[in-house]
Amino acid sequence: MWMTSTPAFLVWCVVLLVAIHQLFTNWEQLSFDSSSILAPHNWLWLGVTWLALKFVHETFHALFCRKYSGTV
């Protein structure tokens, strides 16, 4: 499975490092923009995003279980 390969892990590490760099270099803008993220007009998008992330997260649990012959 390509998602559990060493090259995929290395790509993930690079993406993570770039994200951390962006976080620290744009901290002021992030803190200013995040002050309204929990506003009521964003609740629908927060819910949709949470459901999508939850789906992806649980799908990866299933894929890893299947790859390593685990049971649920």
Foldseek 3Di string as FASTA:
>chain_A
DVCPDPVVVVVVVVVVVVVVVVCVVCVVVVVVVPPCCPPPVNPVVVVVVVVVVVVVVVVVVVVVCVVVVHDD
